[in-house]
C-alpha atoms as a PDB file:
ATOM      1  CA  MET A   1       3.118 -27.116 -24.511  1.00  0.00           C
ATOM      2  CA  ASN A   2      -0.281 -25.981 -23.282  1.00  0.00           C
ATOM      3  CA  ASN A   3       0.811 -25.627 -19.657  1.00  0.00           C
ATOM      4  CA  TRP A   4       0.974 -21.841 -19.656  1.00  0.00           C
ATOM      5  CA  LEU A   5      -2.385 -21.545 -21.468  1.00  0.00           C
ATOM      6  CA  ASP A   6      -4.061 -24.006 -19.109  1.00  0.00           C
ATOM      7  CA  THR A   7      -2.690 -22.075 -16.149  1.00  0.00           C
ATOM      8  CA  LEU A   8      -4.051 -18.832 -17.559  1.00  0.00           C
ATOM      9  CA  ASP A   9      -7.475 -20.364 -18.202  1.00  0.00           C
ATOM     10  CA  ASN A  10      -7.621 -21.654 -14.641  1.00  0.00           C
ATOM     11  CA  LYS A  11      -6.946 -18.156 -13.313  1.00  0.00           C
ATOM     12  CA  ILE A  12      -9.792 -16.536 -15.284  1.00  0.00           C
ATOM     13  CA  ALA A  13     -12.763 -15.994 -12.980  1.00  0.00           C
ATOM     14  CA  THR A  14     -16.173 -17.316 -13.975  1.00  0.00           C
ATOM     15  CA  PRO A  15     -19.407 -15.700 -12.751  1.00  0.00           C
ATOM     16  CA  SER A  16     -19.775 -18.384 -10.076  1.00  0.00           C
ATOM     17  CA  GLN A  17     -16.229 -17.706  -8.926  1.00  0.00           C
ATOM     18  CA  ALA A  18     -16.965 -13.968  -8.771  1.00  0.00           C
ATOM     19  CA  GLU A  19     -19.963 -14.686  -6.537  1.00  0.00           C
ATOM     20  CA  ALA A  20     -17.772 -16.929  -4.395  1.00  0.00           C
ATOM     21  CA  GLY A  21     -15.309 -14.051  -4.070  1.00  0.00           C
ATOM     22  CA  SER A  22     -18.065 -11.755  -2.805  1.00  0.00           C
ATOM     23  CA  ASP A  23     -19.183 -14.433  -0.337  1.00  0.00           C
ATOM     24  CA  ASP A  24     -15.596 -14.786   0.900  1.00  0.00           C
ATOM     25  CA  LEU A  25     -15.517 -11.048   1.544  1.00  0.00           C
ATOM     26  CA  HIS A  26     -18.628 -11.357   3.732  1.00  0.00           C
ATOM     27  CA  TRP A  27     -17.054 -14.225   5.668  1.00  0.00           C
ATOM     28  CA  ARG A  28     -13.855 -12.253   6.241  1.00  0.00           C
ATOM     29  CA  SER A  29     -15.833  -9.236   7.469  1.00  0.00           C
ATOM     30  CA  LEU A  30     -17.865 -11.476   9.756  1.00  0.00           C
ATOM     31  CA  SER A  31     -14.670 -13.006  11.173  1.00  0.00           C
ATOM     32  CA  LEU A  32     -13.441  -9.544  12.217  1.00  0.00           C
ATOM     33  CA  PHE A  33     -16.811  -8.761  13.760  1.00  0.00           C
ATOM     34  CA  LEU A  34     -16.787 -12.033  15.722  1.00  0.00           C
ATOM     35  CA  LEU A  35     -13.241 -11.364  16.904  1.00  0.00           C
ATOM     36  CA  TYR A  36     -14.363  -7.954  18.187  1.00  0.00           C
ATOM     37  CA  ARG A  37     -17.352  -9.475  19.995  1.00  0.00           C
ATOM     38  CA  ILE A  38     -15.242 -12.166  21.692  1.00  0.00           C
ATOM     39  CA  THR A  39     -12.664  -9.585  22.766  1.00  0.00           C
ATOM     40  CA  LEU A  40     -15.366  -7.240  24.085  1.00  0.00           C
ATOM     41  CA  SER A  41     -17.203  -9.934  26.037  1.00  0.00           C
ATOM     42  CA  LEU A  42     -14.016 -11.273  27.619  1.00  0.00           C
ATOM     43  CA  THR A  43     -12.904  -7.747  28.540  1.00  0.00           C
ATOM     44  CA  LEU A  44     -16.223  -6.897  30.184  1.00  0.00           C
ATOM     45  CA  MET A  45     -16.232 -10.188  32.080  1.00  0.00           C
ATOM     46  CA  PHE A  46     -12.622 -10.037  33.288  1.00  0.00           C
ATOM     47  CA  PHE A  47     -12.865  -6.399  34.383  1.00  0.00           C
ATOM     48  CA  PHE A  48     -15.985  -7.208  36.387  1.00  0.00           C
ATOM     49  CA  TYR A  49     -14.720 -10.363  38.098  1.00  0.00           C
ATOM     50  CA  LEU A  50     -11.193  -9.077  38.694  1.00  0.00           C
ATOM     51  CA  GLY A  51     -12.391  -5.671  39.850  1.00  0.00           C
ATOM     52  CA  ALA A  52      -9.670  -3.955  37.807  1.00  0.00           C
ATOM     53  CA  GLY A  53     -11.907  -2.104  35.368  1.00  0.00           C
ATOM     54  CA  PRO A  54     -14.196   0.910  35.660  1.00  0.00           C
ATOM     55  CA  ALA A  55     -16.066   1.058  38.941  1.00  0.00           C
ATOM     56  CA  PHE A  56     -19.478   1.445  37.323  1.00  0.00           C
ATOM     57  CA  LEU A  57     -19.446  -2.075  35.764  1.00  0.00           C
ATOM     58  CA  GLY A  58     -22.273  -3.931  37.509  1.00  0.00           C
ATOM     59  CA  SER A  59     -22.444  -1.303  40.249  1.00  0.00           C
ATOM     60  CA  VAL A  60     -26.267  -1.110  40.334  1.00  0.00           C
ATOM     61  CA  VAL A  61     -27.359  -4.744  39.795  1.00  0.00           C
ATOM     62  CA  PRO A  62     -24.210  -6.907  40.024  1.00  0.00           C
ATOM     63  CA  GLN A  63     -26.141 -10.198  39.906  1.00  0.00           C
ATOM     64  CA  LEU A  64     -27.760  -9.244  36.591  1.00  0.00           C
ATOM     65  CA  TYR A  65     -24.435  -8.057  35.206  1.00  0.00           C
ATOM     66  CA  ALA A  66     -22.713 -11.334  36.152  1.00  0.00           C
ATOM     67  CA  ILE A  67     -25.392 -13.476  34.503  1.00  0.00           C
ATOM     68  CA  VAL A  68     -25.609 -11.372  31.331  1.00  0.00           C
ATOM     69  CA  VAL A  69     -21.860 -10.994  30.788  1.00  0.00           C
ATOM     70  CA  THR A  70     -21.338 -14.735  31.232  1.00  0.00           C
ATOM     71  CA  LEU A  71     -24.111 -15.582  28.771  1.00  0.00           C
ATOM     72  CA  TYR A  72     -22.828 -12.943  26.356  1.00  0.00           C
ATOM     73  CA  THR A  73     -19.351 -14.485  26.391  1.00  0.00           C
ATOM     74  CA  ALA A  74     -20.754 -17.968  25.890  1.00  0.00           C
ATOM     75  CA  LEU A  75     -22.896 -16.801  22.947  1.00  0.00           C
ATOM     76  CA  ALA A  76     -19.907 -15.020  21.392  1.00  0.00           C
ATOM     77  CA  PHE A  77     -17.925 -18.264  21.416  1.00  0.00           C
ATOM     78  CA  THR A  78     -20.959 -20.140  20.089  1.00  0.00           C
ATOM     79  CA  SER A  79     -21.080 -17.676  17.185  1.00  0.00           C
ATOM     80  CA  ALA A  80     -17.449 -18.529  16.473  1.00  0.00           C
ATOM     81  CA  LEU A  81     -18.433 -22.205  16.199  1.00  0.00           C
ATOM     82  CA  PHE A  82     -21.188 -21.353  13.706  1.00  0.00           C
ATOM     83  CA  PHE A  83     -18.615 -19.348  11.766  1.00  0.00           C
ATOM     84  CA  LEU A  84     -16.249 -22.321  11.629  1.00  0.00           C
ATOM     85  CA  TRP A  85     -19.096 -24.548  10.427  1.00  0.00           C
ATOM     86  CA  ARG A  86     -19.950 -21.970   7.726  1.00  0.00           C
ATOM     87  CA  SER A  87     -23.612 -22.344   8.598  1.00  0.00           C
ATOM     88  CA  PRO A  88     -25.922 -20.485   8.497  1.00  0.00           C
ATOM     89  CA  LYS A  89     -25.082 -17.797   5.902  1.00  0.00           C
ATOM     90  CA  PRO A  90     -22.990 -14.781   6.992  1.00  0.00           C
ATOM     91  CA  GLU A  91     -25.953 -12.393   6.767  1.00  0.00           C
ATOM     92  CA  GLN A  92     -28.043 -14.598   9.040  1.00  0.00           C
ATOM     93  CA  GLN A  93     -25.191 -14.922  11.529  1.00  0.00           C
ATOM     94  CA  THR A  94     -24.848 -11.131  11.503  1.00  0.00           C
ATOM     95  CA  TYR A  95     -28.564 -10.704  12.277  1.00  0.00           C
ATOM     96  CA  LEU A  96     -28.242 -13.042  15.244  1.00  0.00           C
ATOM     97  CA  ALA A  97     -25.045 -11.376  16.492  1.00  0.00           C
ATOM     98  CA  LEU A  98     -26.582  -7.896  16.325  1.00  0.00           C
ATOM     99  CA  PHE A  99     -29.697  -8.995  18.181  1.00  0.00           C
ATOM    100  CA  VAL A 100     -27.546 -10.577  20.913  1.00  0.00           C
ATOM    101  CA  ASP A 101     -25.321  -7.481  21.148  1.00  0.00           C
ATOM    102  CA  ILE A 102     -28.233  -5.058  21.461  1.00  0.00           C
ATOM    103  CA  THR A 103     -29.935  -7.163  24.118  1.00  0.00           C
ATOM    104  CA  ALA A 104     -26.817  -7.979  26.116  1.00  0.00           C
ATOM    105  CA  ILE A 105     -25.247  -4.507  26.082  1.00  0.00           C
ATOM    106  CA  THR A 106     -28.566  -2.870  26.992  1.00  0.00           C
ATOM    107  CA  LEU A 107     -28.896  -5.165  30.009  1.00  0.00           C
ATOM    108  CA  LEU A 108     -25.257  -4.612  30.989  1.00  0.00           C
ATOM    109  CA  MET A 109     -25.800  -0.857  30.699  1.00  0.00           C
ATOM    110  CA  HIS A 110     -28.896  -1.118  32.873  1.00  0.00           C
ATOM    111  CA  ALA A 111     -26.983  -3.124  35.497  1.00  0.00           C
ATOM    112  CA  SER A 112     -24.155  -0.571  35.479  1.00  0.00           C
ATOM    113  CA  GLY A 113     -26.129   2.640  35.849  1.00  0.00           C
ATOM    114  CA  GLY A 114     -27.829   3.531  32.560  1.00  0.00           C
ATOM    115  CA  VAL A 115     -26.906   5.645  29.544  1.00  0.00           C
ATOM    116  CA  GLN A 116     -24.652   7.978  31.524  1.00  0.00           C
ATOM    117  CA  THR A 117     -22.043   5.200  31.703  1.00  0.00           C
ATOM    118  CA  GLY A 118     -21.353   5.504  27.972  1.00  0.00           C
ATOM    119  CA  MET A 119     -21.749   1.782  27.332  1.00  0.00           C
ATOM    120  CA  GLY A 120     -24.412   2.530  24.728  1.00  0.00           C
ATOM    121  CA  MET A 121     -21.685   3.473  22.259  1.00  0.00           C
ATOM    122  CA  LEU A 122     -20.735  -0.202  22.156  1.00  0.00           C
ATOM    123  CA  ILE A 123     -24.091  -0.820  20.478  1.00  0.00           C
ATOM    124  CA  ALA A 124     -23.196   1.807  17.853  1.00  0.00           C
ATOM    125  CA  VAL A 125     -20.015  -0.101  17.039  1.00  0.00           C
ATOM    126  CA  SER A 126     -22.005  -3.298  16.500  1.00  0.00           C
ATOM    127  CA  ILE A 127     -24.490  -1.457  14.276  1.00  0.00           C
ATOM    128  CA  ILE A 128     -21.647  -0.085  12.143  1.00  0.00           C
ATOM    129  CA  ALA A 129     -20.124  -3.537  11.752  1.00  0.00           C
ATOM    130  CA  GLY A 130     -23.507  -5.037  10.891  1.00  0.00           C
ATOM    131  CA  ALA A 131     -24.236  -2.319   8.320  1.00  0.00           C
ATOM    132  CA  LEU A 132     -20.926  -3.016   6.598  1.00  0.00           C
ATOM    133  CA  ILE A 133     -21.689  -6.723   6.373  1.00  0.00           C
ATOM    134  CA  MET A 134     -25.434  -6.657   5.658  1.00  0.00           C
ATOM    135  CA  GLY A 135     -26.130  -3.365   3.917  1.00  0.00           C
ATOM    136  CA  GLY A 136     -29.656  -2.453   2.889  1.00  0.00           C
ATOM    137  CA  ARG A 137     -32.421  -1.509   5.278  1.00  0.00           C
ATOM    138  CA  ALA A 138     -31.556  -4.188   7.839  1.00  0.00           C
ATOM    139  CA  ALA A 139     -29.026  -1.842   9.472  1.00  0.00           C
ATOM    140  CA  LEU A 140     -31.710   0.805   9.953  1.00  0.00           C
ATOM    141  CA  LEU A 141     -33.989  -1.828  11.462  1.00  0.00           C
ATOM    142  CA  PHE A 142     -31.382  -2.761  14.063  1.00  0.00           C
ATOM    143  CA  ALA A 143     -30.673   0.927  14.733  1.00  0.00           C
ATOM    144  CA  ALA A 144     -34.379   1.340  15.496  1.00  0.00           C
ATOM    145  CA  LEU A 145     -34.340  -1.750  17.741  1.00  0.00           C
ATOM    146  CA  ALA A 146     -31.309  -0.405  19.605  1.00  0.00           C
ATOM    147  CA  ALA A 147     -32.928   3.005  20.123  1.00  0.00           C
ATOM    148  CA  LEU A 148     -36.132   1.312  21.307  1.00  0.00           C
ATOM    149  CA  ALA A 149     -34.158  -0.870  23.740  1.00  0.00           C
ATOM    150  CA  VAL A 150     -32.385   2.140  25.256  1.00  0.00           C
ATOM    151  CA  ILE A 151     -35.626   4.127  25.657  1.00  0.00           C
ATOM    152  CA  THR A 152     -37.376   1.064  27.114  1.00  0.00           C
ATOM    153  CA  ASP A 153     -34.606   0.811  29.691  1.00  0.00           C
ATOM    154  CA  GLN A 154     -35.210   4.440  30.689  1.00  0.00           C
ATOM    155  CA  VAL A 155     -38.957   3.881  30.912  1.00  0.00           C
ATOM    156  CA  HIS A 156     -38.343   0.875  33.142  1.00  0.00           C
ATOM    157  CA  ALA A 157     -36.029   2.964  35.333  1.00  0.00           C
ATOM    158  CA  SER A 158     -38.681   5.684  35.710  1.00  0.00           C
ATOM    159  CA  LEU A 159     -41.475   3.221  36.512  1.00  0.00           C
ATOM    160  CA  SER A 160     -39.421   1.196  38.987  1.00  0.00           C
ATOM    161  CA  LYS A 161     -38.204   4.362  40.726  1.00  0.00           C
ATOM    162  CA  ALA A 162     -34.586   3.197  40.638  1.00  0.00           C
ATOM    163  CA  ALA A 163     -31.847   4.905  42.575  1.00  0.00           C
ATOM    164  CA  ILE A 164     -30.473   6.396  39.350  1.00  0.00           C
ATOM    165  CA  PRO A 165     -33.037   8.716  37.679  1.00  0.00           C
ATOM    166  CA  PRO A 166     -33.868   8.116  34.000  1.00  0.00           C
ATOM    167  CA  GLN A 167     -32.051  10.152  31.347  1.00  0.00           C
ATOM    168  CA  PHE A 168     -34.516  10.438  28.467  1.00  0.00           C
ATOM    169  CA  ILE A 169     -32.618  13.248  26.745  1.00  0.00           C
ATOM    170  CA  GLN A 170     -29.368  11.270  26.730  1.00  0.00           C
ATOM    171  CA  ALA A 171     -31.271   8.194  25.563  1.00  0.00           C
ATOM    172  CA  GLY A 172     -32.765  10.241  22.722  1.00  0.00           C
ATOM    173  CA  PHE A 173     -29.351  11.509  21.677  1.00  0.00           C
ATOM    174  CA  LEU A 174     -27.984   7.980  21.820  1.00  0.00           C
ATOM    175  CA  GLY A 175     -30.808   6.735  19.579  1.00  0.00           C
ATOM    176  CA  ALA A 176     -30.043   9.548  17.122  1.00  0.00           C
ATOM    177  CA  VAL A 177     -26.412   8.434  17.133  1.00  0.00           C
ATOM    178  CA  PHE A 178     -27.539   4.902  16.249  1.00  0.00           C
ATOM    179  CA  PHE A 179     -29.490   6.128  13.215  1.00  0.00           C
ATOM    180  CA  ALA A 180     -26.777   8.559  12.137  1.00  0.00           C
ATOM    181  CA  THR A 181     -24.039   5.929  12.240  1.00  0.00           C
ATOM    182  CA  ALA A 182     -26.241   3.418  10.411  1.00  0.00           C
ATOM    183  CA  LEU A 183     -27.106   5.922   7.642  1.00  0.00           C
ATOM    184  CA  LEU A 184     -23.520   7.114   7.260  1.00  0.00           C
ATOM    185  CA  THR A 185     -22.213   3.569   7.143  1.00  0.00           C
ATOM    186  CA  LEU A 186     -24.819   2.616   4.544  1.00  0.00           C
ATOM    187  CA  VAL A 187     -23.832   5.517   2.313  1.00  0.00           C
ATOM    188  CA  LEU A 188     -20.137   4.749   2.578  1.00  0.00           C
ATOM    189  CA  SER A 189     -20.621   1.006   2.158  1.00  0.00           C
ATOM    190  CA  SER A 190     -22.809   1.533  -0.938  1.00  0.00           C
ATOM    191  CA  ARG A 191     -20.037   3.593  -2.527  1.00  0.00           C
ATOM    192  CA  VAL A 192     -17.482   0.963  -1.633  1.00  0.00           C
ATOM    193  CA  ARG A 193     -19.659  -1.780  -3.117  1.00  0.00           C
ATOM    194  CA  ALA A 194     -20.137   0.286  -6.293  1.00  0.00           C
ATOM    195  CA  SER A 195     -16.368   0.691  -6.560  1.00  0.00           C
ATOM    196  CA  GLU A 196     -15.874  -3.026  -5.976  1.00  0.00           C
ATOM    197  CA  LEU A 197     -18.457  -3.842  -8.659  1.00  0.00           C
ATOM    198  CA  LEU A 198     -16.749  -1.521 -11.134  1.00  0.00           C
ATOM    199  CA  ALA A 199     -13.365  -3.013 -10.305  1.00  0.00           C
ATOM    200  CA  GLN A 200     -14.777  -6.519 -10.765  1.00  0.00           C
ATOM    201  CA  GLU A 201     -16.208  -5.570 -14.170  1.00  0.00           C
ATOM    202  CA  ARG A 202     -12.861  -4.139 -15.247  1.00  0.00           C
ATOM    203  CA  ALA A 203     -11.104  -7.270 -13.981  1.00  0.00           C
ATOM    204  CA  ASN A 204     -13.505  -9.480 -15.965  1.00  0.00           C
ATOM    205  CA  GLU A 205     -12.857  -7.429 -19.098  1.00  0.00           C
ATOM    206  CA  LEU A 206      -9.106  -7.709 -18.623  1.00  0.00           C
ATOM    207  CA  ASP A 207      -9.417 -11.451 -18.028  1.00  0.00           C
ATOM    208  CA  HIS A 208     -11.466 -11.780 -21.206  1.00  0.00           C
ATOM    209  CA  LEU A 209      -8.879  -9.839 -23.210  1.00  0.00           C
ATOM    210  CA  ALA A 210      -6.104 -11.921 -21.675  1.00  0.00           C
ATOM    211  CA  LYS A 211      -7.866 -15.095 -22.759  1.00  0.00           C
ATOM    212  CA  ILE A 212      -8.304 -13.767 -26.305  1.00  0.00           C
ATOM    213  CA  ASN A 213      -4.635 -12.755 -26.474  1.00  0.00           C
ATOM    214  CA  ALA A 214      -3.573 -16.141 -25.147  1.00  0.00           C
ATOM    215  CA  ASN A 215      -5.586 -17.953 -27.821  1.00  0.00           C
ATOM    216  CA  VAL A 216      -4.254 -15.674 -30.561  1.00  0.00           C
ATOM    217  CA  ILE A 217      -0.647 -16.270 -29.446  1.00  0.00           C
ATOM    218  CA  GLN A 218      -1.244 -19.995 -29.179  1.00  0.00           C
ATOM    219  CA  HIS A 219      -2.535 -20.247 -32.765  1.00  0.00           C
ATOM    220  CA  MET A 220       0.082 -18.005 -34.377  1.00  0.00           C
ATOM    221  CA  ARG A 221       2.367 -19.543 -36.981  1.00  0.00           C
ATOM    222  CA  THR A 222       5.311 -17.641 -35.483  1.00  0.00           C
ATOM    223  CA  GLY A 223       7.015 -19.049 -32.415  1.00  0.00           C
ATOM    224  CA  VAL A 224       6.750 -16.819 -29.364  1.00  0.00           C
ATOM    225  CA  LEU A 225       8.749 -17.062 -26.131  1.00  0.00           C
ATOM    226  CA  VAL A 226       8.961 -14.788 -23.104  1.00  0.00           C
ATOM    227  CA  ILE A 227      12.136 -15.090 -21.027  1.00  0.00           C
ATOM    228  CA  ASP A 228      12.620 -13.392 -17.654  1.00  0.00           C
ATOM    229  CA  SER A 229      15.779 -11.723 -16.353  1.00  0.00           C
ATOM    230  CA  ALA A 230      16.932 -15.010 -14.787  1.00  0.00           C
ATOM    231  CA  GLY A 231      16.797 -16.826 -18.137  1.00  0.00           C
ATOM    232  CA  LYS A 232      13.678 -18.822 -17.296  1.00  0.00           C
ATOM    233  CA  ILE A 233      10.836 -19.477 -19.721  1.00  0.00           C
ATOM    234  CA  VAL A 234       7.756 -17.480 -18.769  1.00  0.00           C
ATOM    235  CA  MET A 235       5.706 -18.440 -21.823  1.00  0.00           C
ATOM    236  CA  MET A 236       6.233 -20.607 -24.927  1.00  0.00           C
ATOM    237  CA  ASN A 237       3.556 -21.278 -27.514  1.00  0.00           C
ATOM    238  CA  ASP A 238       3.183 -24.469 -29.550  1.00  0.00           C
ATOM    239  CA  PRO A 239       4.883 -23.201 -32.750  1.00  0.00           C
ATOM    240  CA  ALA A 240       7.984 -22.236 -30.738  1.00  0.00           C
ATOM    241  CA  TRP A 241       7.983 -25.642 -29.074  1.00  0.00           C
ATOM    242  CA  HIS A 242       7.852 -27.397 -32.462  1.00  0.00           C
ATOM    243  CA  LEU A 243      10.506 -25.139 -34.019  1.00  0.00           C
ATOM    244  CA  LEU A 244      12.877 -25.869 -31.124  1.00  0.00           C
ATOM    245  CA  GLY A 245      12.440 -29.609 -31.673  1.00  0.00           C
ATOM    246  CA  MET A 246       9.804 -30.309 -29.017  1.00  0.00           C
ATOM    247  CA  PRO A 247      12.154 -30.064 -26.007  1.00  0.00           C
ATOM    248  CA  THR A 248      11.286 -31.403 -22.571  1.00  0.00           C
ATOM    249  CA  ALA A 249      11.617 -27.910 -21.090  1.00  0.00           C
ATOM    250  CA  SER A 250       8.403 -26.239 -20.016  1.00  0.00           C
ATOM    251  CA  THR A 251       7.287 -23.030 -18.349  1.00  0.00           C
ATOM    252  CA  GLY A 252       9.632 -22.208 -15.482  1.00  0.00           C
ATOM    253  CA  SER A 253      12.598 -24.104 -16.967  1.00  0.00           C
ATOM    254  CA  GLN A 254      15.839 -22.472 -18.042  1.00  0.00           C
ATOM    255  CA  LEU A 255      16.015 -21.416 -21.688  1.00  0.00           C
ATOM    256  CA  ALA A 256      19.284 -23.340 -22.066  1.00  0.00           C
ATOM    257  CA  LYS A 257      17.372 -26.555 -21.466  1.00  0.00           C
ATOM    258  CA  ALA A 258      15.100 -25.826 -24.442  1.00  0.00           C
ATOM    259  CA  SER A 259      17.748 -24.345 -26.759  1.00  0.00           C
ATOM    260  CA  PRO A 260      21.398 -23.799 -25.749  1.00  0.00           C
ATOM    261  CA  GLU A 261      22.017 -21.785 -28.951  1.00  0.00           C
ATOM    262  CA  LEU A 262      19.148 -19.395 -28.195  1.00  0.00           C
ATOM    263  CA  ALA A 263      20.307 -19.033 -24.592  1.00  0.00           C
ATOM    264  CA  HIS A 264      23.830 -18.196 -25.828  1.00  0.00           C
ATOM    265  CA  MET A 265      22.484 -15.490 -28.136  1.00  0.00           C
ATOM    266  CA  LEU A 266      20.427 -14.071 -25.271  1.00  0.00           C
ATOM    267  CA  ARG A 267      23.530 -13.870 -23.069  1.00  0.00           C
ATOM    268  CA  LYS A 268      25.361 -12.060 -25.866  1.00  0.00           C
ATOM    269  CA  ARG A 269      22.506  -9.601 -26.058  1.00  0.00           C
ATOM    270  CA  HIS A 270      22.690  -8.978 -22.305  1.00  0.00           C
ATOM    271  CA  ALA A 271      26.440  -8.464 -22.725  1.00  0.00           C
ATOM    272  CA  GLY A 272      25.815  -5.552 -25.088  1.00  0.00           C
ATOM    273  CA  SER A 273      25.111  -6.988 -28.532  1.00  0.00           C
ATOM    274  CA  LYS A 274      22.658  -4.825 -30.504  1.00  0.00           C
ATOM    275  CA  GLN A 275      21.930  -7.383 -33.203  1.00  0.00           C
ATOM    276  CA  LYS A 276      18.175  -7.812 -33.442  1.00  0.00           C
ATOM    277  CA  TYR A 277      18.060 -10.772 -35.855  1.00  0.00           C
ATOM    278  CA  ASN A 278      20.014 -13.987 -35.271  1.00  0.00           C
ATOM    279  CA  ASN A 279      19.956 -17.127 -37.415  1.00  0.00           C
ATOM    280  CA  PHE A 280      20.709 -20.476 -35.822  1.00  0.00           C
ATOM    281  CA  HIS A 281      19.960 -24.195 -35.960  1.00  0.00           C
ATOM    282  CA  SER A 282      18.253 -25.581 -32.896  1.00  0.00           C
ATOM    283  CA  GLN A 283      18.811 -29.119 -34.212  1.00  0.00           C
ATOM    284  CA  ARG A 284      21.452 -30.614 -36.470  1.00  0.00           C
ATOM    285  CA  GLN A 285      18.956 -31.777 -39.048  1.00  0.00           C
ATOM    286  CA  GLY A 286      16.426 -29.100 -38.231  1.00  0.00           C
ATOM    287  CA  PRO A 287      15.547 -25.991 -40.230  1.00  0.00           C
ATOM    288  CA  GLU A 288      17.413 -22.729 -39.914  1.00  0.00           C
ATOM    289  CA  LEU A 289      15.612 -20.416 -37.500  1.00  0.00           C
ATOM    290  CA  ARG A 290      15.662 -16.660 -37.129  1.00  0.00           C
ATOM    291  CA  ALA A 291      15.303 -15.154 -33.669  1.00  0.00           C
ATOM    292  CA  HIS A 292      14.077 -11.616 -33.141  1.00  0.00           C
ATOM    293  CA  PHE A 293      14.619 -10.172 -29.644  1.00  0.00           C
ATOM    294  CA  ASN A 294      12.351  -7.479 -28.221  1.00  0.00           C
ATOM    295  CA  PRO A 295      12.771  -6.193 -24.648  1.00  0.00           C
ATOM    296  CA  LEU A 296       9.572  -5.842 -22.648  1.00  0.00           C
ATOM    297  CA  GLY A 297       9.625  -2.537 -20.810  1.00  0.00           C
ATOM    298  CA  SER A 298      12.400  -0.015 -20.444  1.00  0.00           C
ATOM    299  CA  LYS A 299      14.908  -2.257 -18.665  1.00  0.00           C
ATOM    300  CA  GLU A 300      17.362  -4.100 -20.877  1.00  0.00           C
ATOM    301  CA  GLN A 301      17.819  -6.777 -18.225  1.00  0.00           C
ATOM    302  CA  GLY A 302      14.071  -7.338 -17.863  1.00  0.00           C
ATOM    303  CA  ASP A 303      11.818  -9.791 -19.669  1.00  0.00           C
ATOM    304  CA  ILE A 304      12.641 -10.496 -23.320  1.00  0.00           C
ATOM    305  CA  LEU A 305      10.097 -11.324 -26.023  1.00  0.00           C
ATOM    306  CA  ILE A 306      11.564 -13.660 -28.663  1.00  0.00           C
ATOM    307  CA  PHE A 307       9.968 -14.347 -32.048  1.00  0.00           C
ATOM    308  CA  LEU A 308      11.092 -17.477 -33.892  1.00  0.00           C
ATOM    309  CA  GLU A 309      10.634 -17.917 -37.648  1.00  0.00           C
ATOM    310  CA  ASP A 310      11.597 -20.671 -40.067  1.00  0.00           C
ATOM    311  CA  THR A 311      13.899 -19.032 -42.656  1.00  0.00           C
ATOM    312  CA  SER A 312      12.987 -21.625 -45.287  1.00  0.00           C
ATOM    313  CA  GLN A 313       9.378 -20.535 -45.041  1.00  0.00           C
ATOM    314  CA  ILE A 314      10.466 -16.902 -45.321  1.00  0.00           C
ATOM    315  CA  THR A 315      12.490 -17.817 -48.435  1.00  0.00           C
ATOM    316  CA  ARG A 316       9.534 -19.585 -50.014  1.00  0.00           C
ATOM    317  CA  GLU A 317       7.276 -16.626 -49.368  1.00  0.00           C
ATOM    318  CA  ALA A 318       9.879 -14.294 -50.878  1.00  0.00           C
ATOM    319  CA  GLN A 319      10.118 -16.508 -54.000  1.00  0.00           C
ATOM    320  CA  HIS A 320       6.346 -16.508 -54.383  1.00  0.00           C
ATOM    321  CA  MET A 321       6.305 -12.727 -54.123  1.00  0.00           C
ATOM    322  CA  LYS A 322       9.125 -12.467 -56.657  1.00  0.00           C
ATOM    323  CA  LEU A 323       7.344 -14.756 -59.133  1.00  0.00           C
ATOM    324  CA  ALA A 324       4.124 -12.810 -58.681  1.00  0.00           C
ATOM    325  CA  SER A 325       5.979  -9.546 -59.406  1.00  0.00           C
ATOM    326  CA  LEU A 326       7.580 -11.025 -62.533  1.00  0.00           C
ATOM    327  CA  GLY A 327       4.209 -12.229 -63.677  1.00  0.00           C
ATOM    328  CA  ARG A 328       2.866  -8.707 -63.517  1.00  0.00           C
ATOM    329  CA  LEU A 329       5.832  -7.336 -65.534  1.00  0.00           C
ATOM    330  CA  LEU A 330       5.575  -9.842 -68.427  1.00  0.00           C
ATOM    331  CA  PRO A 331       3.273  -8.744 -71.329  1.00  0.00           C
ATOM    332  CA  PRO A 332       0.217 -10.861 -71.959  1.00  0.00           C
ATOM    333  CA  ALA A 333       0.688 -13.513 -74.640  1.00  0.00           C
ATOM    334  CA  SER A 334      -1.089 -12.804 -77.965  1.00  0.00           C
ATOM    335  CA  PRO A 335      -3.563 -15.444 -79.083  1.00  0.00           C
ATOM    336  CA  THR A 336      -2.408 -17.708 -81.961  1.00  0.00           C
ATOM    337  CA  LYS A 337      -4.435 -17.488 -85.151  1.00  0.00           C
ATOM    338  CA  PHE A 338      -4.959 -20.593 -87.242  1.00  0.00           C
ATOM    339  CA  LYS A 339      -5.904 -20.526 -90.932  1.00  0.00           C
ATOM    340  CA  ILE A 340      -8.160 -23.224 -92.216  1.00  0.00           C
ATOM    341  CA  ARG A 341      -7.245 -24.357 -95.675  1.00  0.00           C
END
């Protein structure tokens, strides 16, 4: 009856499994980021081609806007394919996605009229998402690249003498927003990661204690069973299995299948019986067993912890103790003296 112990051992996380859990978290975060990018690219493309969105989309250089938004949508779907292939690593895919977002949104902003359109805030959203996934100084690097791209666009507008004058002050404020959001996200994400690390350490400690407790219970001489409110076996150690005559019932089976007598006593207890100790025979030729019922928690109808003991063993131990006590009470025998004639 090692099923419950094997199940518990399989659930205990090893260091490699903990690392896999952290990697899964990065993949889940990346999936949300990719979903946002696909939604954004499709929205920008549909609003432009249908003419139902803001009027400034592609108002200055519509040909450039059409080319860039189409390529941006295609690259967003290509990123989804890389995500499904799980190659390359999530951090590397995030680097590529951020570089594409900064380049594409800057060009779309240029084709729509510059920083005064407000499209630069879309870059800030991408930087926040990247900082949450990557962490470290990489987020600050992409914030600097985004600020440089926006200022370069304004320099190009001033040199080309475009119809819309450059807005260096707004571009500067937008660059400051990029750095501020990156720094704030890094601080918050570092605290979240510290909390996750602490929680993982506590979970590992609890798993270790659970494994120790499981081994202690498994090697006890006393039979131990845990029965839920529906009468099903939650846990049964090897001594309990042997005392009950090695039944075919296992974890998840009804207690009546393992021992009808024990199930009957449990029903009597649920009916209101306050008797804590119950003697019974699980088999006709088997030893007399004593069952001790202990409720787990405050609810009487909740899980029940049952201890099983062989009364013959208890009797033998009591006789040994009695003989030892009598041995202490008897006076020591005096040595016999022999005379040599």
